[in-house]
C-alpha atoms as a PDB file:
ATOM      1  CA  UNK A   1       0.000   0.000   0.000  1.00  0.00           C
ATOM      2  CA  UNK A   2       2.788   2.430   0.861  1.00  0.00           C
ATOM      3  CA  UNK A   3       4.645   1.670  -2.400  1.00  0.00           C
ATOM      4  CA  UNK A   4       1.521   2.311  -4.461  1.00  0.00           C
ATOM      5  CA  UNK A   5       0.974   5.607  -2.680  1.00  0.00           C
ATOM      6  CA  UNK A   6       4.614   6.622  -3.225  1.00  0.00           C
ATOM      7  CA  UNK A   7       4.378   5.750  -6.932  1.00  0.00           C
ATOM      8  CA  UNK A   8       1.257   7.868  -7.309  1.00  0.00           C
ATOM      9  CA  UNK A   9       2.944  10.823  -5.634  1.00  0.00           C
ATOM     10  CA  UNK A  10       5.989  10.559  -7.959  1.00  0.00           C
ATOM     11  CA  UNK A  11       3.747  10.384 -11.020  1.00  0.00           C
ATOM     12  CA  UNK A  12       1.893  13.507  -9.893  1.00  0.00           C
ATOM     13  CA  UNK A  13       5.161  15.436  -9.300  1.00  0.00           C
ATOM     14  CA  UNK A  14       6.518  14.511 -12.724  1.00  0.00           C
ATOM     15  CA  UNK A  15       3.257  15.552 -14.384  1.00  0.00           C
ATOM     16  CA  UNK A  16       3.242  18.928 -12.647  1.00  0.00           C
ATOM     17  CA  UNK A  17       6.897  19.488 -13.567  1.00  0.00           C
ATOM     18  CA  UNK A  18       6.179  18.809 -17.280  1.00  0.00           C
ATOM     19  CA  UNK A  19       3.196  21.114 -17.213  1.00  0.00           C
ATOM     20  CA  UNK A  20       5.156  23.943 -15.604  1.00  0.00           C
ATOM     21  CA  UNK A  21       8.013  23.624 -18.120  1.00  0.00           C
ATOM     22  CA  UNK A  22       5.583  23.629 -21.056  1.00  0.00           C
ATOM     23  CA  UNK A  23       3.634  26.612 -19.798  1.00  0.00           C
ATOM     24  CA  UNK A  24       6.777  28.691 -19.166  1.00  0.00           C
ATOM     25  CA  UNK A  25       8.310  28.048 -22.634  1.00  0.00           C
ATOM     26  CA  UNK A  26       8.517  31.531 -24.309  1.00  0.00           C
ATOM     27  CA  UNK A  27      10.567  30.461 -27.341  1.00  0.00           C
ATOM     28  CA  UNK A  28       9.443  32.338 -30.558  1.00  0.00           C
ATOM     29  CA  UNK A  29      10.081  31.477 -34.179  1.00  0.00           C
ATOM     30  CA  UNK A  30      12.231  34.173 -35.967  1.00  0.00           C
ATOM     31  CA  UNK A  31      11.209  34.974 -39.543  1.00  0.00           C
ATOM     32  CA  UNK A  32      14.084  34.816 -42.046  1.00  0.00           C
ATOM     33  CA  UNK A  33      15.452  38.258 -43.108  1.00  0.00           C
ATOM     34  CA  UNK A  34      14.642  38.984 -46.755  1.00  0.00           C
ATOM     35  CA  UNK A  35      17.289  41.087 -48.520  1.00  0.00           C
ATOM     36  CA  UNK A  36      15.758  43.154 -51.317  1.00  0.00           C
ATOM     37  CA  UNK A  37      18.065  43.046 -54.293  1.00  0.00           C
ATOM     38  CA  UNK A  38      19.024  46.401 -55.823  1.00  0.00           C
ATOM     39  CA  UNK A  39      19.723  46.362 -59.529  1.00  0.00           C
ATOM     40  CA  UNK A  40      22.500  48.595 -60.820  1.00  0.00           C
ATOM     41  CA  UNK A  41      21.420  51.965 -62.189  1.00  0.00           C
ATOM     42  CA  UNK A  42      22.147  53.116 -65.717  1.00  0.00           C
ATOM     43  CA  UNK A  43      25.115  55.486 -65.783  1.00  0.00           C
ATOM     44  CA  UNK A  44      26.519  58.418 -67.806  1.00  0.00           C
ATOM     45  CA  UNK A  45      23.127  60.084 -68.276  1.00  0.00           C
ATOM     46  CA  UNK A  46      23.485  63.016 -70.710  1.00  0.00           C
ATOM     47  CA  UNK A  47      21.150  65.384 -72.550  1.00  0.00           C
ATOM     48  CA  UNK A  48      20.950  67.447 -75.718  1.00  0.00           C
ATOM     49  CA  UNK A  49      18.403  69.985 -76.993  1.00  0.00           C
ATOM     50  CA  UNK A  50      16.661  68.959 -80.207  1.00  0.00           C
ATOM     51  CA  UNK A  51      14.449  72.034 -80.528  1.00  0.00           C
ATOM     52  CA  UNK A  52      12.536  74.581 -78.431  1.00  0.00           C
ATOM     53  CA  UNK A  53      10.258  71.877 -76.978  1.00  0.00           C
ATOM     54  CA  UNK A  54      12.304  68.685 -77.117  1.00  0.00           C
ATOM     55  CA  UNK A  55      15.213  67.245 -75.143  1.00  0.00           C
ATOM     56  CA  UNK A  56      16.911  63.946 -75.936  1.00  0.00           C
ATOM     57  CA  UNK A  57      18.659  61.927 -73.249  1.00  0.00           C
ATOM     58  CA  UNK A  58      20.979  58.950 -73.473  1.00  0.00           C
ATOM     59  CA  UNK A  59      22.621  56.651 -70.945  1.00  0.00           C
ATOM     60  CA  UNK A  60      24.918  53.666 -70.504  1.00  0.00           C
ATOM     61  CA  UNK A  61      22.909  50.509 -69.864  1.00  0.00           C
ATOM     62  CA  UNK A  62      22.635  48.941 -66.414  1.00  0.00           C
ATOM     63  CA  UNK A  63      25.166  46.197 -65.778  1.00  0.00           C
ATOM     64  CA  UNK A  64      22.261  44.095 -64.453  1.00  0.00           C
ATOM     65  CA  UNK A  65      20.382  43.813 -67.759  1.00  0.00           C
ATOM     66  CA  UNK A  66      21.072  40.061 -67.742  1.00  0.00           C
ATOM     67  CA  UNK A  67      19.393  39.675 -64.330  1.00  0.00           C
ATOM     68  CA  UNK A  68      16.226  37.568 -64.574  1.00  0.00           C
ATOM     69  CA  UNK A  69      14.140  40.270 -62.868  1.00  0.00           C
ATOM     70  CA  UNK A  70      15.357  43.092 -65.157  1.00  0.00           C
ATOM     71  CA  UNK A  71      12.467  44.420 -67.251  1.00  0.00           C
ATOM     72  CA  UNK A  72      13.579  47.757 -68.729  1.00  0.00           C
ATOM     73  CA  UNK A  73      13.897  51.439 -67.810  1.00  0.00           C
ATOM     74  CA  UNK A  74      11.503  54.006 -66.406  1.00  0.00           C
ATOM     75  CA  UNK A  75      12.002  57.583 -67.687  1.00  0.00           C
ATOM     76  CA  UNK A  76      10.761  60.535 -65.656  1.00  0.00           C
ATOM     77  CA  UNK A  77      10.987  64.287 -66.016  1.00  0.00           C
ATOM     78  CA  UNK A  78      10.242  66.666 -63.158  1.00  0.00           C
ATOM     79  CA  UNK A  79       9.260  63.602 -61.109  1.00  0.00           C
ATOM     80  CA  UNK A  80       6.509  62.621 -63.567  1.00  0.00           C
ATOM     81  CA  UNK A  81       6.575  59.288 -65.366  1.00  0.00           C
ATOM     82  CA  UNK A  82       7.085  59.922 -69.082  1.00  0.00           C
ATOM     83  CA  UNK A  83       7.631  56.519 -70.621  1.00  0.00           C
ATOM     84  CA  UNK A  84       9.333  53.157 -70.340  1.00  0.00           C
ATOM     85  CA  UNK A  85      12.184  51.820 -72.444  1.00  0.00           C
ATOM     86  CA  UNK A  86      12.909  48.164 -73.115  1.00  0.00           C
ATOM     87  CA  UNK A  87      16.052  46.250 -72.252  1.00  0.00           C
ATOM     88  CA  UNK A  88      18.866  47.318 -74.558  1.00  0.00           C
ATOM     89  CA  UNK A  89      17.525  50.851 -75.094  1.00  0.00           C
ATOM     90  CA  UNK A  90      19.856  53.730 -74.215  1.00  0.00           C
ATOM     91  CA  UNK A  91      18.208  56.925 -75.519  1.00  0.00           C
ATOM     92  CA  UNK A  92      14.823  58.609 -75.790  1.00  0.00           C
ATOM     93  CA  UNK A  93      13.339  61.973 -76.838  1.00  0.00           C
ATOM     94  CA  UNK A  94      11.032  63.879 -74.476  1.00  0.00           C
ATOM     95  CA  UNK A  95       8.812  66.312 -76.465  1.00  0.00           C
ATOM     96  CA  UNK A  96       6.314  69.058 -75.575  1.00  0.00           C
ATOM     97  CA  UNK A  97       8.481  70.563 -72.849  1.00  0.00           C
ATOM     98  CA  UNK A  98       8.303  74.143 -71.643  1.00  0.00           C
ATOM     99  CA  UNK A  99      11.330  76.394 -72.071  1.00  0.00           C
ATOM    100  CA  UNK A 100      12.652  76.003 -68.545  1.00  0.00           C
ATOM    101  CA  UNK A 101      15.100  73.768 -66.717  1.00  0.00           C
ATOM    102  CA  UNK A 102      13.862  70.190 -66.337  1.00  0.00           C
ATOM    103  CA  UNK A 103      15.144  67.239 -64.326  1.00  0.00           C
ATOM    104  CA  UNK A 104      15.309  63.892 -66.151  1.00  0.00           C
ATOM    105  CA  UNK A 105      15.613  60.567 -64.352  1.00  0.00           C
ATOM    106  CA  UNK A 106      16.200  57.035 -65.624  1.00  0.00           C
ATOM    107  CA  UNK A 107      15.584  54.054 -63.336  1.00  0.00           C
ATOM    108  CA  UNK A 108      15.608  50.286 -63.728  1.00  0.00           C
ATOM    109  CA  UNK A 109      12.234  48.566 -64.035  1.00  0.00           C
ATOM    110  CA  UNK A 110      11.945  45.050 -62.701  1.00  0.00           C
ATOM    111  CA  UNK A 111       9.321  42.321 -62.756  1.00  0.00           C
ATOM    112  CA  UNK A 112       9.109  42.618 -58.961  1.00  0.00           C
ATOM    113  CA  UNK A 113       7.535  45.878 -57.762  1.00  0.00           C
ATOM    114  CA  UNK A 114       9.466  45.739 -54.473  1.00  0.00           C
ATOM    115  CA  UNK A 115      12.746  45.581 -56.358  1.00  0.00           C
ATOM    116  CA  UNK A 116      11.585  48.389 -58.625  1.00  0.00           C
ATOM    117  CA  UNK A 117      11.121  50.665 -55.627  1.00  0.00           C
ATOM    118  CA  UNK A 118      14.619  49.828 -54.465  1.00  0.00           C
ATOM    119  CA  UNK A 119      16.386  50.033 -57.824  1.00  0.00           C
ATOM    120  CA  UNK A 120      19.044  52.675 -58.381  1.00  0.00           C
ATOM    121  CA  UNK A 121      18.526  55.694 -60.655  1.00  0.00           C
ATOM    122  CA  UNK A 122      20.458  58.490 -62.370  1.00  0.00           C
ATOM    123  CA  UNK A 123      19.455  62.126 -63.037  1.00  0.00           C
ATOM    124  CA  UNK A 124      20.479  64.992 -65.333  1.00  0.00           C
ATOM    125  CA  UNK A 125      19.173  68.563 -65.694  1.00  0.00           C
ATOM    126  CA  UNK A 126      18.568  70.164 -69.092  1.00  0.00           C
ATOM    127  CA  UNK A 127      16.270  72.469 -71.090  1.00  0.00           C
ATOM    128  CA  UNK A 128      15.055  72.888 -74.672  1.00  0.00           C
ATOM    129  CA  UNK A 129      16.751  75.417 -76.976  1.00  0.00           C
ATOM    130  CA  UNK A 130      15.898  76.957 -80.335  1.00  0.00           C
ATOM    131  CA  UNK A 131      17.480  75.309 -83.380  1.00  0.00           C
ATOM    132  CA  UNK A 132      18.357  77.183 -86.574  1.00  0.00           C
ATOM    133  CA  UNK A 133      19.733  75.438 -89.652  1.00  0.00           C
ATOM    134  CA  UNK A 134      19.863  75.340 -93.448  1.00  0.00           C
ATOM    135  CA  UNK A 135      19.416  79.030 -94.122  1.00  0.00           C
ATOM    136  CA  UNK A 136      21.426  81.404 -96.300  1.00  0.00           C
ATOM    137  CA  UNK A 137      21.831  83.754 -93.338  1.00  0.00           C
ATOM    138  CA  UNK A 138      23.830  81.275 -91.252  1.00  0.00           C
ATOM    139  CA  UNK A 139      27.009  81.732 -93.247  1.00  0.00           C
ATOM    140  CA  UNK A 140      30.388  83.322 -92.612  1.00  0.00           C
ATOM    141  CA  UNK A 141      31.624  84.860 -95.852  1.00  0.00           C
ATOM    142  CA  UNK A 142      35.250  85.568 -96.666  1.00  0.00           C
ATOM    143  CA  UNK A 143      36.637  88.882 -95.423  1.00  0.00           C
ATOM    144  CA  UNK A 144      37.138  89.842 -99.070  1.00  0.00           C
ATOM    145  CA  UNK A 145      33.378  89.787 -99.605  1.00  0.00           C
ATOM    146  CA  UNK A 146      32.025  93.243 -98.750  1.00  0.00           C
ATOM    147  CA  UNK A 147      28.485  92.546 -99.919  1.00  0.00           C
ATOM    148  CA  UNK A 148      27.798  89.576 -97.676  1.00  0.00           C
ATOM    149  CA  UNK A 149      28.995  89.567 -94.094  1.00  0.00           C
ATOM    150  CA  UNK A 150      31.781  87.717 -92.316  1.00  0.00           C
ATOM    151  CA  UNK A 151      29.969  88.043 -89.010  1.00  0.00           C
ATOM    152  CA  UNK A 152      26.825  86.611 -87.456  1.00  0.00           C
ATOM    153  CA  UNK A 153      24.395  87.703 -84.782  1.00  0.00           C
ATOM    154  CA  UNK A 154      23.280  84.384 -83.302  1.00  0.00           C
ATOM    155  CA  UNK A 155      19.754  85.606 -82.680  1.00  0.00           C
ATOM    156  CA  UNK A 156      18.239  88.704 -84.241  1.00  0.00           C
ATOM    157  CA  UNK A 157      15.064  89.793 -82.429  1.00  0.00           C
ATOM    158  CA  UNK A 158      13.622  91.437 -85.547  1.00  0.00           C
ATOM    159  CA  UNK A 159      14.289  88.452 -87.794  1.00  0.00           C
ATOM    160  CA  UNK A 160      13.721  85.855 -85.033  1.00  0.00           C
ATOM    161  CA  UNK A 161      16.661  84.057 -86.595  1.00  0.00           C
ATOM    162  CA  UNK A 162      20.479  84.308 -86.848  1.00  0.00           C
ATOM    163  CA  UNK A 163      21.518  87.059 -89.201  1.00  0.00           C
ATOM    164  CA  UNK A 164      24.588  87.642 -91.376  1.00  0.00           C
ATOM    165  CA  UNK A 165      26.350  91.036 -90.976  1.00  0.00           C
ATOM    166  CA  UNK A 166      29.214  92.959 -92.600  1.00  0.00           C
ATOM    167  CA  UNK A 167      32.076  94.742 -90.816  1.00  0.00           C
ATOM    168  CA  UNK A 168      30.171  98.046 -90.775  1.00  0.00           C
ATOM    169  CA  UNK A 169      27.978  96.404 -88.097  1.00  0.00           C
ATOM    170  CA  UNK A 170      30.897  94.928 -86.157  1.00  0.00           C
ATOM    171  CA  UNK A 171      29.362  96.014 -82.838  1.00  0.00           C
ATOM    172  CA  UNK A 172      26.398  93.694 -83.477  1.00  0.00           C
ATOM    173  CA  UNK A 173      28.455  90.578 -84.254  1.00  0.00           C
ATOM    174  CA  UNK A 174      28.248  87.638 -81.895  1.00  0.00           C
ATOM    175  CA  UNK A 175      30.839  85.677 -83.872  1.00  0.00           C
ATOM    176  CA  UNK A 176      32.749  86.061 -87.114  1.00  0.00           C
ATOM    177  CA  UNK A 177      35.746  85.061 -89.204  1.00  0.00           C
ATOM    178  CA  UNK A 178      38.788  86.851 -90.553  1.00  0.00           C
ATOM    179  CA  UNK A 179      40.601  85.076 -93.387  1.00  0.00           C
ATOM    180  CA  UNK A 180      42.320  88.223 -94.646  1.00  0.00           C
ATOM    181  CA  UNK A 181      45.576  87.285 -92.945  1.00  0.00           C
ATOM    182  CA  UNK A 182      49.187  87.190 -94.069  1.00  0.00           C
ATOM    183  CA  UNK A 183      49.883  83.762 -92.574  1.00  0.00           C
ATOM    184  CA  UNK A 184      46.914  81.964 -94.150  1.00  0.00           C
ATOM    185  CA  UNK A 185      45.094  81.536 -90.853  1.00  0.00           C
ATOM    186  CA  UNK A 186      41.303  81.632 -90.604  1.00  0.00           C
ATOM    187  CA  UNK A 187      40.396  83.265 -87.318  1.00  0.00           C
ATOM    188  CA  UNK A 188      37.030  82.371 -85.815  1.00  0.00           C
ATOM    189  CA  UNK A 189      35.669  83.951 -82.647  1.00  0.00           C
ATOM    190  CA  UNK A 190      34.079  87.065 -81.140  1.00  0.00           C
ATOM    191  CA  UNK A 191      34.557  90.392 -82.918  1.00  0.00           C
ATOM    192  CA  UNK A 192      37.127  91.537 -80.326  1.00  0.00           C
ATOM    193  CA  UNK A 193      39.436  88.693 -81.376  1.00  0.00           C
ATOM    194  CA  UNK A 194      39.418  89.196 -85.163  1.00  0.00           C
ATOM    195  CA  UNK A 195      41.654  92.254 -85.681  1.00  0.00           C
ATOM    196  CA  UNK A 196      39.040  94.261 -87.569  1.00  0.00           C
ATOM    197  CA  UNK A 197      39.041  98.025 -87.199  1.00  0.00           C
ATOM    198  CA  UNK A 198      36.012  99.044 -85.182  1.00  0.00           C
ATOM    199  CA  UNK A 199      34.707 102.063 -87.075  1.00  0.00           C
ATOM    200  CA  UNK A 200      31.258 101.866 -85.463  1.00  0.00           C
ATOM    201  CA  UNK A 201      32.322 103.857 -82.425  1.00  0.00           C
ATOM    202  CA  UNK A 202      30.299 101.435 -80.305  1.00  0.00           C
ATOM    203  CA  UNK A 203      31.413  98.842 -77.792  1.00  0.00           C
ATOM    204  CA  UNK A 204      31.771  95.300 -79.110  1.00  0.00           C
ATOM    205  CA  UNK A 205      29.756  92.477 -77.593  1.00  0.00           C
ATOM    206  CA  UNK A 206      31.109  90.590 -74.582  1.00  0.00           C
ATOM    207  CA  UNK A 207      31.308  87.112 -76.120  1.00  0.00           C
ATOM    208  CA  UNK A 208      33.591  84.114 -75.506  1.00  0.00           C
ATOM    209  CA  UNK A 209      33.841  80.635 -77.019  1.00  0.00           C
ATOM    210  CA  UNK A 210      34.798  77.307 -75.462  1.00  0.00           C
ATOM    211  CA  UNK A 211      38.453  76.328 -75.244  1.00  0.00           C
ATOM    212  CA  UNK A 212      37.726  72.980 -76.842  1.00  0.00           C
ATOM    213  CA  UNK A 213      35.482  71.819 -79.669  1.00  0.00           C
ATOM    214  CA  UNK A 214      33.706  68.550 -80.433  1.00  0.00           C
ATOM    215  CA  UNK A 215      34.046  66.781 -83.782  1.00  0.00           C
ATOM    216  CA  UNK A 216      30.620  65.508 -84.869  1.00  0.00           C
ATOM    217  CA  UNK A 217      28.433  64.757 -87.880  1.00  0.00           C
ATOM    218  CA  UNK A 218      25.482  66.797 -86.600  1.00  0.00           C
ATOM    219  CA  UNK A 219      24.716  69.301 -83.876  1.00  0.00           C
ATOM    220  CA  UNK A 220      22.414  66.978 -81.926  1.00  0.00           C
ATOM    221  CA  UNK A 221      25.324  64.525 -81.499  1.00  0.00           C
ATOM    222  CA  UNK A 222      26.713  66.783 -78.764  1.00  0.00           C
ATOM    223  CA  UNK A 223      25.489  65.681 -75.332  1.00  0.00           C
ATOM    224  CA  UNK A 224      26.321  67.131 -71.927  1.00  0.00           C
ATOM    225  CA  UNK A 225      25.973  65.939 -68.354  1.00  0.00           C
ATOM    226  CA  UNK A 226      26.799  69.244 -66.667  1.00  0.00           C
ATOM    227  CA  UNK A 227      25.637  72.817 -67.092  1.00  0.00           C
ATOM    228  CA  UNK A 228      27.442  74.882 -69.714  1.00  0.00           C
ATOM    229  CA  UNK A 229      28.608  77.399 -67.130  1.00  0.00           C
ATOM    230  CA  UNK A 230      31.011  74.703 -65.882  1.00  0.00           C
ATOM    231  CA  UNK A 231      32.876  74.693 -69.214  1.00  0.00           C
ATOM    232  CA  UNK A 232      36.172  76.464 -69.853  1.00  0.00           C
ATOM    233  CA  UNK A 233      36.162  79.413 -72.230  1.00  0.00           C
ATOM    234  CA  UNK A 234      38.723  81.469 -74.128  1.00  0.00           C
ATOM    235  CA  UNK A 235      39.051  85.167 -73.361  1.00  0.00           C
ATOM    236  CA  UNK A 236      36.937  87.693 -75.301  1.00  0.00           C
ATOM    237  CA  UNK A 237      39.953  88.686 -77.403  1.00  0.00           C
ATOM    238  CA  UNK A 238      40.917  85.093 -78.299  1.00  0.00           C
ATOM    239  CA  UNK A 239      39.982  83.080 -81.389  1.00  0.00           C
ATOM    240  CA  UNK A 240      40.693  79.673 -82.915  1.00  0.00           C
ATOM    241  CA  UNK A 241      42.394  79.040 -86.252  1.00  0.00           C
ATOM    242  CA  UNK A 242      40.123  76.961 -88.476  1.00  0.00           C
ATOM    243  CA  UNK A 243      42.927  76.385 -90.988  1.00  0.00           C
ATOM    244  CA  UNK A 244      44.683  74.131 -88.452  1.00  0.00           C
ATOM    245  CA  UNK A 245      41.654  71.935 -87.725  1.00  0.00           C
ATOM    246  CA  UNK A 246      41.277  68.655 -89.591  1.00  0.00           C
ATOM    247  CA  UNK A 247      38.508  66.188 -88.835  1.00  0.00           C
ATOM    248  CA  UNK A 248      36.991  63.073 -90.342  1.00  0.00           C
ATOM    249  CA  UNK A 249      33.575  64.222 -89.110  1.00  0.00           C
ATOM    250  CA  UNK A 250      31.270  66.679 -90.892  1.00  0.00           C
ATOM    251  CA  UNK A 251      32.268  69.572 -88.676  1.00  0.00           C
ATOM    252  CA  UNK A 252      32.941  70.913 -85.198  1.00  0.00           C
ATOM    253  CA  UNK A 253      30.761  72.318 -82.414  1.00  0.00           C
ATOM    254  CA  UNK A 254      31.776  75.089 -80.015  1.00  0.00           C
ATOM    255  CA  UNK A 255      29.953  76.557 -77.024  1.00  0.00           C
ATOM    256  CA  UNK A 256      29.233  80.283 -77.093  1.00  0.00           C
ATOM    257  CA  UNK A 257      28.641  82.452 -74.034  1.00  0.00           C
ATOM    258  CA  UNK A 258      27.448  86.058 -74.320  1.00  0.00           C
ATOM    259  CA  UNK A 259      27.108  88.383 -71.345  1.00  0.00           C
ATOM    260  CA  UNK A 260      24.276  90.894 -71.754  1.00  0.00           C
ATOM    261  CA  UNK A 261      22.490  93.370 -69.499  1.00  0.00           C
ATOM    262  CA  UNK A 262      19.740  90.772 -69.070  1.00  0.00           C
ATOM    263  CA  UNK A 263      22.183  88.030 -68.070  1.00  0.00           C
ATOM    264  CA  UNK A 264      24.295  85.314 -69.693  1.00  0.00           C
ATOM    265  CA  UNK A 265      23.065  83.684 -72.897  1.00  0.00           C
ATOM    266  CA  UNK A 266      24.361  80.243 -73.964  1.00  0.00           C
ATOM    267  CA  UNK A 267      24.445  78.755 -77.443  1.00  0.00           C
ATOM    268  CA  UNK A 268      26.315  76.237 -79.562  1.00  0.00           C
ATOM    269  CA  UNK A 269      27.406  76.593 -83.154  1.00  0.00           C
ATOM    270  CA  UNK A 270      28.099  73.821 -85.639  1.00  0.00           C
ATOM    271  CA  UNK A 271      30.698  74.807 -88.243  1.00  0.00           C
ATOM    272  CA  UNK A 272      30.384  72.484 -91.231  1.00  0.00           C
ATOM    273  CA  UNK A 273      33.236  71.304 -93.397  1.00  0.00           C
ATOM    274  CA  UNK A 274      33.138  72.396 -97.027  1.00  0.00           C
ATOM    275  CA  UNK A 275      34.977  71.280-100.143  1.00  0.00           C
ATOM    276  CA  UNK A 276      37.990  73.426 -99.198  1.00  0.00           C
ATOM    277  CA  UNK A 277      38.636  72.882 -95.504  1.00  0.00           C
ATOM    278  CA  UNK A 278      35.745  74.617 -93.771  1.00  0.00           C
ATOM    279  CA  UNK A 279      35.086  76.823 -96.771  1.00  0.00           C
ATOM    280  CA  UNK A 280      32.617  76.112 -99.532  1.00  0.00           C
ATOM    281  CA  UNK A 281      34.375  77.250-102.722  1.00  0.00           C
ATOM    282  CA  UNK A 282      37.904  78.435-103.437  1.00  0.00           C
ATOM    283  CA  UNK A 283      37.313  81.993-104.653  1.00  0.00           C
ATOM    284  CA  UNK A 284      38.116  84.373-101.786  1.00  0.00           C
ATOM    285  CA  UNK A 285      35.486  86.816-103.021  1.00  0.00           C
ATOM    286  CA  UNK A 286      32.641  84.335-102.735  1.00  0.00           C
ATOM    287  CA  UNK A 287      33.680  81.477-100.439  1.00  0.00           C
ATOM    288  CA  UNK A 288      31.871  80.955 -97.135  1.00  0.00           C
ATOM    289  CA  UNK A 289      31.522  78.657 -94.116  1.00  0.00           C
ATOM    290  CA  UNK A 290      28.155  77.033 -93.366  1.00  0.00           C
ATOM    291  CA  UNK A 291      26.802  76.871 -89.848  1.00  0.00           C
ATOM    292  CA  UNK A 292      23.934  75.710 -87.630  1.00  0.00           C
ATOM    293  CA  UNK A 293      22.944  77.308 -84.341  1.00  0.00           C
ATOM    294  CA  UNK A 294      21.291  76.076 -81.152  1.00  0.00           C
ATOM    295  CA  UNK A 295      20.375  79.098 -79.072  1.00  0.00           C
ATOM    296  CA  UNK A 296      18.964  79.502 -75.558  1.00  0.00           C
ATOM    297  CA  UNK A 297      16.887  82.686 -75.510  1.00  0.00           C
ATOM    298  CA  UNK A 298      16.347  82.590 -71.748  1.00  0.00           C
ATOM    299  CA  UNK A 299      19.155  84.399 -69.840  1.00  0.00           C
ATOM    300  CA  UNK A 300      21.141  82.544 -67.180  1.00  0.00           C
ATOM    301  CA  UNK A 301      19.852  79.123 -68.218  1.00  0.00           C
ATOM    302  CA  UNK A 302      23.010  77.016 -68.766  1.00  0.00           C
ATOM    303  CA  UNK A 303      21.174  73.682 -69.000  1.00  0.00           C
ATOM    304  CA  UNK A 304      20.645  73.946 -72.743  1.00  0.00           C
ATOM    305  CA  UNK A 305      22.590  74.139 -75.947  1.00  0.00           C
END
């Protein structure tokens, strides 16, 4: 009888002990940490102005294009979704823009919306600019030609277009050439740099050109990633010698900066090669250099060309 009672007591103690241990077990199950994969952003985002309402951007493709979740690119301007580009695309035009500075962003699109929100992006600022081309007025005639001008005003408010001018209007020139030299040089630059006698009695424009030029086949081939006020410029009395420039492309592009009472105006000019260096024709009385102009009418807006 005593042994049975002792056995019952031991069984009860063991049962209570098991119950207490089970009830006091506070062990929780930890969820595994999910690492959201970030796909590499496109790089080298650059922009160029196509016309007064259109900007074109281009970029270097993401290094993660081969990733299974890579879908394409999302293009935004001013934080608004504009369009999407497929895998392999690296440029797009954004039309119907206003003539102000815009911010353009390119981001990776993925098949997983969570990854999309965590994908890297790249941004560039730019603005539209007015484009002028293929007109008889955008020409620089030889210095020997006194009927047609060797100088150009990049934007004439009366004509609403670039306008060709002779030396008698030297004070109105933005840029010009002087090929009436003893050493065979062809000077190109602001009027102050061309060694013409200023008989107008008026101050010449405060204009400078970039220290370097870009060899291209067309003006819209010139892209930038930084504002034009970050570029280096020659002094107002300095020019370049076109006779020393040889290129396999169709011409060269230089940046132009003009300081006015309203502010700084930026432009770019495309000087086209002719059949005689940069000149079309060989007769010094009639030969000329063809040009195209991209002009930003809005002062102090360096994000355009």
